[in-house]
Structures are given as C-alpha cells and as structure tokens.
Amino acid sequence: MIKIYIKERGSWIGFFFIQQLLIFLIAFVDSTVPFSSILYINLLSFLSFLFFFAFRFYKETAFYRQLRDRDPSLDVSTLGEAESPFEHIAKTGFTEQIEYYKQKASQNRTELEQEKDDLLAWVHEVKTPLTAMHLMIDRLEDDRAKAQLTYEWLRIHLLLDRQLHQKRMPFIENDLYIEQVKIEPLLFTEIRALQSWCLQKGIGFDVELDTGSVLSDVKWLAFIFRQLLANAVKYSYSGDIMIRSSQRGSRTAVTITNFGRGISPQDLPRIFDKGFTATGGNHQSNSSTGMGLYLAKKAADSLLISIDAFSTPESGTTFTLTFPESNAFTRMTGM
C-alpha cells in the first residue's frame, strides 16, 4: 500500500522536494542568506514532512485498505466509513454499482428460472407425441423400418431426457430422496429401454450382481446408469457389455465394461469435462455432445458416488461406480 500511496501522491512529494531545492538555490545565489540557517530550516521542514506523510498515509489509506481487503460480495455493510469528500464519492459510486448489479442479478435469476420452467414444460409436452409415436412404431409390420424408426425415437428420447436432467441439475439437492435402491431391477429397466439400439448393433449384456441394494436416489441413480449404458452401447463394436458388482470393504462398487474403441490416454482425464468429445480421429463425430458423462459425474458427486474410468484403446472401457458408506449420507442429510 505504501508504494501505491507514494505513486498517488507523487506530484505533491515532488513539489515539496522542488521547494527544498529552490531554498538551497536561493542560499547559494544570495550570499547574505546564511547557509547554515537554510540547512536548519530545510531539515526541520523535512522532518515535519515525514511526520505529516506518515499521519496522512494511515489516515487516507484506511478506507482503501478496507476496500481492498473486503469480502468480494455484494454486501455493502462490509465497506468502511468514508471520511474525506473523495472517499464519500468513491463509496457512493461503489454502493450504487452494487445495488445496480444486485437488481440485474435478481432480474437474470428470474429470467433464468422462467426459461428453465418453460423448457421443462416443453420437454414434458413433447413426451406426449413421443409416446404416441412409439405406439405407432410398434404397429408397423416392416421390421426393418420399425427397427430404424425405434432407434431414431430412442435417440430423441435420450436427448430430451438429458436436457430435462441438465436443467434440473443446479437444483439437484432439492430433488434428492435417499432410500434403499435395488440395483438389479433398476439396471434391467434401463437395459430394456436401450433394447432396440442393442439389437441393431448386435450387443448384449452380461449382468452378474453380488449386491442387492444401495443407499441412493432412485431417479438420479437411474439417470447415471442410463448415461453410462448409452455410452457403452454407443462405443461398443459388438459382443456383451459386462456389468458386475462387488463389495470393497463397506462400500459397493458397480462396474460397466464395454469392448469397443476405448479412450486414448490423453483424453481419459478429460472425459468428464463439460462439452469434451474427443481428440484425434474421433473428434469429427457429430453424434457426441460431450454432456452425457459430464452430467453423470455431476449427479454422482451430489450422491457422493465416485466415478472412475479405465480404458485401453481399441480394447474397451470400464466405468466404476463406487457408492458411499451409509453413514456418509447420515452425516450429509442428518437422517
């Protein structure tokens, strides 16, 4: 702060020293003026200046030190009292700016909430014609056309479902209901939903579960499984997708393994980043949005589930869900 103050008052300090030099110059030019007296006067004025400088430094910088060190929030109560007229101008402008941004933030929150509600309402409305479309597809007699239309219907359904959960994600804490969730029926429900896609690619599932249930939220856990299973089907070449569960101490782990193109080592640390698709040859694919794994990771974090990925290029990928201990939810929710 001292360097900033010297820089701010540089012109005044320079003016003082110029005056001192002028007095010395007068003593040098005018021999009738005793040089020792001039030196004595300059020494006294310099010491007076040092005391005055120190006093004004602590006096004038107190307000700005509080301004610099204040909590970076929109709470004006943390702002110190202004004493000088310029400090009053600065505080008034700062306060007015904060109030303006508060109003804009409140307005933006209202608009964002309205946009979210409108989009959620639209998604729910679209589900009605989608359901009717699915019934119409089921009545088709051409098996090839039926399979193709069912696959495209499933893609639309998954995109809408992802959009729905993406808009709910910021408020997931208000939507959680922690209970004992049976893993097997939940997984089989999600697998059946992907049946038409799996048939088209010739992919099956090899499920072997050693754990009956976990403590979680059924809707969001289903969403996580849905994203991981859809990702496994999408990037599998053929064969079965293996699903296993095991106990790791007091925690339950579920692994989903596909035998597809895998993930390159440089991409693996970034697969849960928002919007990340791939690098290299697969980067040109238009079918990836980079949102599925990102949303799955966000939901898993809220459920205290850790997601780990292991992959070997051209051999496959394994995603592991490790569920928390029951007392972790007890501490979090106070159940």
Protein backbone atom coordinates (compact mmCIF):
# COMPACT_ATOMS: atom_id res chain seq x y z
CA MET A 1 0.00 0.00 0.00
CA ILE A 2 2.91 2.39 0.73
CA LYS A 3 4.15 2.14 -2.88
CA ILE A 4 0.66 2.87 -4.19
CA TYR A 5 0.32 5.87 -1.86
CA ILE A 6 3.70 7.29 -2.92
CA LYS A 7 2.71 6.87 -6.55
CA GLU A 8 -0.67 8.52 -5.88
CA ARG A 9 0.92 11.48 -4.04
CA GLY A 10 3.98 11.63 -6.27
CA SER A 11 3.25 15.11 -7.58
CA TRP A 12 2.84 16.55 -4.05
CA ILE A 13 6.04 14.86 -2.86
CA GLY A 14 7.89 16.12 -5.92
CA PHE A 15 6.59 19.65 -5.33
CA PHE A 16 7.90 19.57 -1.73
CA PHE A 17 11.40 18.49 -2.78
CA ILE A 18 11.47 21.10 -5.56
CA GLN A 19 10.71 23.75 -2.94
CA GLN A 20 13.58 22.45 -0.82
CA LEU A 21 15.93 22.69 -3.78
CA LEU A 22 14.72 26.24 -4.53
CA ILE A 23 15.55 27.31 -0.97
CA PHE A 24 19.03 25.82 -1.31
CA LEU A 25 19.37 27.62 -4.66
CA ILE A 26 18.42 30.95 -3.08
CA ALA A 27 21.02 30.42 -0.34
CA PHE A 28 23.62 29.61 -2.97
CA VAL A 29 22.82 32.68 -5.11
CA ASP A 30 22.30 35.16 -2.28
CA SER A 31 25.40 35.23 -0.10
CA THR A 32 23.67 37.40 2.51
CA VAL A 33 21.49 34.43 3.48
CA PRO A 34 23.33 32.14 5.95
CA PHE A 35 23.60 28.63 4.50
CA SER A 36 23.51 27.02 7.95
CA SER A 37 20.14 28.64 8.67
CA ILE A 38 18.77 27.41 5.35
CA LEU A 39 20.04 23.91 6.12
CA TYR A 40 18.43 24.04 9.57
CA ILE A 41 15.10 25.23 8.14
CA ASN A 42 15.12 22.53 5.44
CA LEU A 43 15.94 19.83 7.99
CA LEU A 44 13.05 20.90 10.21
CA SER A 45 10.66 21.08 7.26
CA PHE A 46 11.82 17.64 6.06
CA LEU A 47 11.22 16.07 9.50
CA SER A 48 7.83 17.80 9.67
CA PHE A 49 7.09 16.44 6.22
CA LEU A 50 7.97 12.87 7.32
CA PHE A 51 5.60 13.05 10.32
CA PHE A 52 2.88 14.63 8.17
CA PHE A 53 3.40 11.99 5.45
CA ALA A 54 3.11 9.10 7.96
CA PHE A 55 -0.01 10.60 9.53
CA ARG A 56 -1.73 11.23 6.21
CA PHE A 57 -0.71 7.78 4.94
CA TYR A 58 -2.57 5.94 7.73
CA LYS A 59 -5.40 8.45 7.63
CA GLU A 60 -6.02 8.41 3.89
CA THR A 61 -5.37 4.73 3.19
CA ALA A 62 -7.56 3.29 5.97
CA PHE A 63 -10.70 3.42 3.80
CA TYR A 64 -8.93 1.98 0.74
CA ARG A 65 -7.32 -0.81 2.76
CA GLN A 66 -10.79 -1.87 3.88
CA LEU A 67 -11.95 -1.62 0.28
CA ARG A 68 -9.05 -3.80 -0.88
CA ASP A 69 -9.42 -6.41 1.86
CA ARG A 70 -13.21 -6.58 1.98
CA ASP A 71 -15.13 -9.77 1.23
CA PRO A 72 -15.81 -9.83 -2.56
CA SER A 73 -19.57 -9.99 -2.14
CA LEU A 74 -22.46 -7.63 -2.79
CA ASP A 75 -22.77 -6.76 0.90
CA VAL A 76 -22.09 -3.02 1.29
CA SER A 77 -22.12 -3.29 5.10
CA THR A 78 -18.53 -4.62 4.93
CA LEU A 79 -17.40 -1.34 3.39
CA GLY A 80 -15.66 1.03 5.84
CA GLU A 81 -16.83 4.51 6.70
CA ALA A 82 -15.78 7.28 4.35
CA GLU A 83 -14.22 10.41 5.89
CA SER A 84 -12.90 12.63 3.10
CA PRO A 85 -15.08 14.04 0.31
CA PHE A 86 -13.34 11.88 -2.28
CA GLU A 87 -13.91 8.77 -0.15
CA HIS A 88 -17.60 9.67 0.04
CA ILE A 89 -17.72 9.94 -3.76
CA ALA A 90 -15.98 6.55 -4.10
CA LYS A 91 -18.27 4.87 -1.56
CA THR A 92 -21.41 6.34 -3.10
CA GLY A 93 -20.42 5.19 -6.58
CA PHE A 94 -19.45 1.76 -5.28
CA THR A 95 -22.73 1.37 -3.39
CA GLU A 96 -24.81 2.46 -6.38
CA GLN A 97 -22.89 0.00 -8.58
CA ILE A 98 -23.53 -2.84 -6.13
CA GLU A 99 -27.24 -2.06 -5.96
CA TYR A 100 -27.38 -2.00 -9.76
CA TYR A 101 -25.71 -5.40 -10.04
CA LYS A 102 -27.99 -6.78 -7.34
CA GLN A 103 -31.02 -5.74 -9.37
CA LYS A 104 -29.53 -7.16 -12.56
CA ALA A 105 -28.63 -10.43 -10.82
CA SER A 106 -32.15 -10.73 -9.41
CA GLN A 107 -33.63 -10.00 -12.84
CA ASN A 108 -31.34 -12.55 -14.51
CA ARG A 109 -32.24 -15.19 -11.90
CA THR A 110 -35.94 -14.58 -12.51
CA GLU A 111 -35.49 -14.82 -16.29
CA LEU A 112 -33.33 -17.94 -15.95
CA GLU A 113 -35.89 -19.57 -13.68
CA GLN A 114 -38.65 -18.72 -16.14
CA GLU A 115 -36.60 -20.10 -19.04
CA LYS A 116 -35.96 -23.30 -17.09
CA ASP A 117 -39.66 -23.71 -16.27
CA ASP A 118 -40.62 -23.07 -19.90
CA LEU A 119 -38.09 -25.59 -21.17
CA LEU A 120 -39.16 -28.24 -18.64
CA ALA A 121 -42.79 -27.67 -19.60
CA TRP A 122 -41.87 -28.00 -23.28
CA VAL A 123 -39.95 -31.26 -22.65
CA HIS A 124 -42.94 -32.72 -20.81
CA GLU A 125 -45.27 -31.65 -23.63
CA VAL A 126 -43.02 -33.25 -26.25
CA LYS A 127 -43.13 -36.54 -24.35
CA THR A 128 -46.84 -36.92 -25.21
CA PRO A 129 -46.40 -37.05 -29.02
CA LEU A 130 -43.27 -39.17 -28.50
CA THR A 131 -45.33 -41.73 -26.60
CA ALA A 132 -47.94 -41.72 -29.35
CA MET A 133 -45.18 -42.07 -31.95
CA HIS A 134 -43.77 -45.08 -30.11
CA LEU A 135 -47.16 -46.78 -30.14
CA MET A 136 -47.47 -46.12 -33.88
CA ILE A 137 -43.99 -47.55 -34.49
CA ASP A 138 -44.91 -50.70 -32.55
CA ARG A 139 -47.79 -51.31 -35.01
CA LEU A 140 -45.53 -51.24 -38.07
CA GLU A 141 -45.24 -54.55 -39.92
CA ASP A 142 -41.99 -53.76 -41.74
CA ASP A 143 -39.40 -54.96 -39.22
CA ARG A 144 -36.52 -53.09 -40.83
CA ALA A 145 -38.35 -49.77 -40.89
CA LYS A 146 -39.60 -50.44 -37.38
CA ALA A 147 -36.09 -51.03 -36.07
CA GLN A 148 -34.74 -47.88 -37.74
CA LEU A 149 -37.60 -45.69 -36.51
CA THR A 150 -37.34 -47.13 -33.00
CA TYR A 151 -33.64 -46.32 -32.92
CA GLU A 152 -34.23 -42.72 -34.02
CA TRP A 153 -37.08 -42.44 -31.50
CA LEU A 154 -34.73 -43.65 -28.78
CA ARG A 155 -32.13 -41.04 -29.72
CA ILE A 156 -34.72 -38.26 -29.41
CA HIS A 157 -35.94 -39.70 -26.12
CA LEU A 158 -32.42 -39.81 -24.65
CA LEU A 159 -31.63 -36.26 -25.79
CA LEU A 160 -34.83 -34.93 -24.22
CA ASP A 161 -34.17 -36.86 -21.04
CA ARG A 162 -30.64 -35.45 -20.86
CA GLN A 163 -31.93 -31.92 -21.44
CA LEU A 164 -34.51 -32.39 -18.69
CA HIS A 165 -31.91 -33.51 -16.17
CA GLN A 166 -29.44 -30.85 -17.27
CA LYS A 167 -31.94 -28.14 -16.36
CA ARG A 168 -32.69 -29.82 -13.04
CA MET A 169 -29.02 -30.28 -12.18
CA PRO A 170 -28.46 -26.90 -10.45
CA PHE A 171 -31.30 -27.74 -8.07
CA ILE A 172 -30.49 -31.41 -7.55
CA GLU A 173 -30.08 -31.00 -3.78
CA ASN A 174 -33.78 -30.08 -3.54
CA ASP A 175 -34.77 -33.13 -5.60
CA LEU A 176 -32.91 -35.88 -3.75
CA TYR A 177 -34.73 -38.57 -1.78
CA ILE A 178 -32.27 -41.02 -0.28
CA GLU A 179 -33.53 -44.58 0.16
CA GLN A 180 -32.51 -48.19 -0.36
CA VAL A 181 -32.47 -48.75 -4.13
CA LYS A 182 -32.37 -52.24 -5.66
CA ILE A 183 -29.70 -52.24 -8.33
CA GLU A 184 -30.82 -55.18 -10.49
CA PRO A 185 -34.37 -54.06 -11.43
CA LEU A 186 -33.09 -50.52 -11.97
CA LEU A 187 -30.39 -51.72 -14.36
CA PHE A 188 -32.72 -54.06 -16.23
CA THR A 189 -35.22 -51.23 -16.74
CA GLU A 190 -32.51 -49.09 -18.34
CA ILE A 191 -31.23 -52.02 -20.41
CA ARG A 192 -34.73 -52.72 -21.78
CA ALA A 193 -35.03 -49.06 -22.78
CA LEU A 194 -31.92 -49.50 -24.97
CA GLN A 195 -33.08 -52.81 -26.45
CA SER A 196 -33.73 -51.57 -30.00
CA TRP A 197 -30.32 -49.91 -30.17
CA CYS A 198 -28.59 -53.02 -28.83
CA LEU A 199 -30.38 -55.26 -31.35
CA GLN A 200 -29.32 -53.00 -34.18
CA LYS A 201 -25.66 -53.20 -33.14
CA GLY A 202 -25.75 -56.85 -32.07
CA ILE A 203 -24.85 -56.04 -28.46
CA GLY A 204 -25.98 -57.95 -25.39
CA PHE A 205 -25.49 -57.62 -21.64
CA ASP A 206 -23.74 -59.94 -19.23
CA VAL A 207 -25.03 -58.99 -15.78
CA GLU A 208 -23.75 -60.53 -12.57
CA LEU A 209 -24.58 -58.67 -9.38
CA ASP A 210 -23.42 -59.65 -5.92
CA THR A 211 -25.08 -56.68 -4.21
CA GLY A 212 -28.81 -56.31 -3.79
CA SER A 213 -29.29 -52.63 -2.97
CA VAL A 214 -27.51 -49.37 -2.25
CA LEU A 215 -28.45 -46.20 -0.44
CA SER A 216 -29.14 -43.57 -3.11
CA ASP A 217 -31.78 -41.61 -5.02
CA VAL A 218 -33.61 -43.84 -7.49
CA LYS A 219 -34.28 -41.20 -10.18
CA TRP A 220 -30.80 -39.74 -10.32
CA LEU A 221 -29.11 -43.13 -10.00
CA ALA A 222 -31.19 -44.32 -12.95
CA PHE A 223 -30.03 -41.26 -14.90
CA ILE A 224 -26.37 -42.07 -14.13
CA PHE A 225 -26.81 -45.70 -15.25
CA ARG A 226 -28.64 -44.50 -18.37
CA GLN A 227 -25.74 -42.26 -19.41
CA LEU A 228 -23.09 -44.91 -18.76
CA LEU A 229 -25.06 -47.68 -20.51
CA ALA A 230 -25.84 -45.46 -23.51
CA ASN A 231 -22.16 -44.53 -23.70
CA ALA A 232 -21.19 -48.22 -23.52
CA VAL A 233 -23.59 -49.20 -26.29
CA LYS A 234 -22.58 -46.25 -28.45
CA TYR A 235 -18.88 -47.05 -28.42
CA SER A 236 -19.06 -50.86 -28.40
CA TYR A 237 -18.20 -52.79 -31.53
CA SER A 238 -20.11 -55.99 -30.69
CA GLY A 239 -20.37 -58.66 -28.03
CA ASP A 240 -21.64 -58.27 -24.50
CA ILE A 241 -21.39 -55.33 -22.14
CA MET A 242 -20.34 -56.69 -18.75
CA ILE A 243 -21.95 -55.35 -15.58
CA ARG A 244 -20.58 -56.50 -12.25
CA SER A 245 -20.97 -55.50 -8.61
CA SER A 246 -18.75 -56.20 -5.64
CA GLN A 247 -18.09 -55.18 -2.07
CA ARG A 248 -14.98 -53.14 -1.38
CA GLY A 249 -14.90 -53.10 2.38
CA SER A 250 -18.06 -51.34 3.49
CA ARG A 251 -18.64 -49.78 0.05
CA THR A 252 -20.40 -51.17 -3.01
CA ALA A 253 -18.84 -50.92 -6.47
CA VAL A 254 -20.58 -51.43 -9.82
CA THR A 255 -18.51 -51.75 -13.00
CA ILE A 256 -19.76 -51.36 -16.58
CA THR A 257 -17.33 -52.66 -19.20
CA ASN A 258 -17.66 -52.37 -22.97
CA PHE A 259 -15.36 -53.83 -25.59
CA GLY A 260 -15.15 -51.03 -28.10
CA ARG A 261 -12.77 -48.43 -29.41
CA GLY A 262 -11.69 -47.31 -25.94
CA ILE A 263 -10.38 -43.92 -24.90
CA SER A 264 -6.93 -42.58 -25.69
CA PRO A 265 -4.66 -41.85 -22.70
CA GLN A 266 -4.60 -38.11 -23.41
CA ASP A 267 -8.42 -37.97 -23.46
CA LEU A 268 -9.07 -40.08 -20.36
CA PRO A 269 -8.52 -37.31 -17.75
CA ARG A 270 -10.94 -35.02 -19.62
CA ILE A 271 -13.91 -37.27 -20.40
CA PHE A 272 -15.98 -35.78 -17.56
CA ASP A 273 -15.34 -32.19 -18.67
CA LYS A 274 -18.30 -30.26 -19.96
CA GLY A 275 -18.53 -30.33 -23.76
CA PHE A 276 -15.45 -32.52 -24.23
CA THR A 277 -15.91 -35.03 -27.05
CA ALA A 278 -12.58 -36.45 -28.18
CA THR A 279 -9.31 -35.65 -29.87
CA GLY A 280 -7.73 -37.31 -32.85
CA GLY A 281 -9.72 -39.28 -35.41
CA ASN A 282 -12.95 -39.48 -33.41
CA HIS A 283 -13.14 -35.73 -32.92
CA GLN A 284 -15.07 -35.24 -36.13
CA SER A 285 -18.04 -37.25 -34.92
CA ASN A 286 -21.21 -35.16 -34.90
CA SER A 287 -23.11 -37.58 -32.67
CA SER A 288 -21.27 -36.59 -29.48
CA THR A 289 -22.24 -33.57 -27.40
CA GLY A 290 -19.82 -34.11 -24.52
CA MET A 291 -22.64 -33.72 -21.99
CA GLY A 292 -23.60 -37.28 -21.01
CA LEU A 293 -20.57 -38.16 -18.89
CA TYR A 294 -20.35 -34.60 -17.57
CA LEU A 295 -23.93 -34.72 -16.26
CA ALA A 296 -23.43 -38.25 -14.91
CA LYS A 297 -20.37 -37.05 -12.96
CA LYS A 298 -22.25 -34.02 -11.60
CA ALA A 299 -25.14 -36.19 -10.44
CA ALA A 300 -22.75 -38.76 -8.95
CA ASP A 301 -20.95 -36.06 -6.97
CA SER A 302 -24.25 -34.96 -5.44
CA LEU A 303 -24.97 -38.58 -4.49
CA LEU A 304 -21.43 -38.99 -3.05
CA ILE A 305 -20.70 -41.61 -5.72
CA SER A 306 -17.22 -41.66 -7.23
CA ILE A 307 -16.87 -42.49 -10.94
CA ASP A 308 -13.59 -43.84 -12.25
CA ALA A 309 -12.72 -44.80 -15.80
CA PHE A 310 -10.09 -47.20 -17.12
CA SER A 311 -9.58 -47.74 -20.81
CA THR A 312 -7.30 -49.38 -23.32
CA PRO A 313 -7.54 -48.03 -26.90
CA GLU A 314 -9.26 -50.48 -29.28
CA SER A 315 -9.93 -52.87 -26.37
CA GLY A 316 -12.67 -51.27 -24.31
CA THR A 317 -13.53 -49.08 -21.36
CA THR A 318 -14.58 -49.80 -17.78
CA PHE A 319 -16.52 -47.32 -15.68
CA THR A 320 -16.65 -47.98 -11.95
CA LEU A 321 -19.28 -46.52 -9.64
CA THR A 322 -18.23 -46.67 -6.00
CA PHE A 323 -21.11 -45.94 -3.65
CA PRO A 324 -20.59 -44.20 -0.31
CA GLU A 325 -20.94 -45.77 3.10
CA SER A 326 -24.39 -45.38 4.63
CA ASN A 327 -23.10 -43.14 7.42
CA ALA A 328 -21.87 -40.65 4.79
CA PHE A 329 -25.49 -39.93 3.87
CA THR A 330 -26.40 -39.85 7.54
CA ARG A 331 -23.87 -37.05 8.07
CA MET A 332 -24.97 -35.23 4.92
CA THR A 333 -28.75 -35.37 5.39
CA GLY A 334 -29.00 -35.79 9.14
CA MET A 335 -31.19 -38.87 8.76
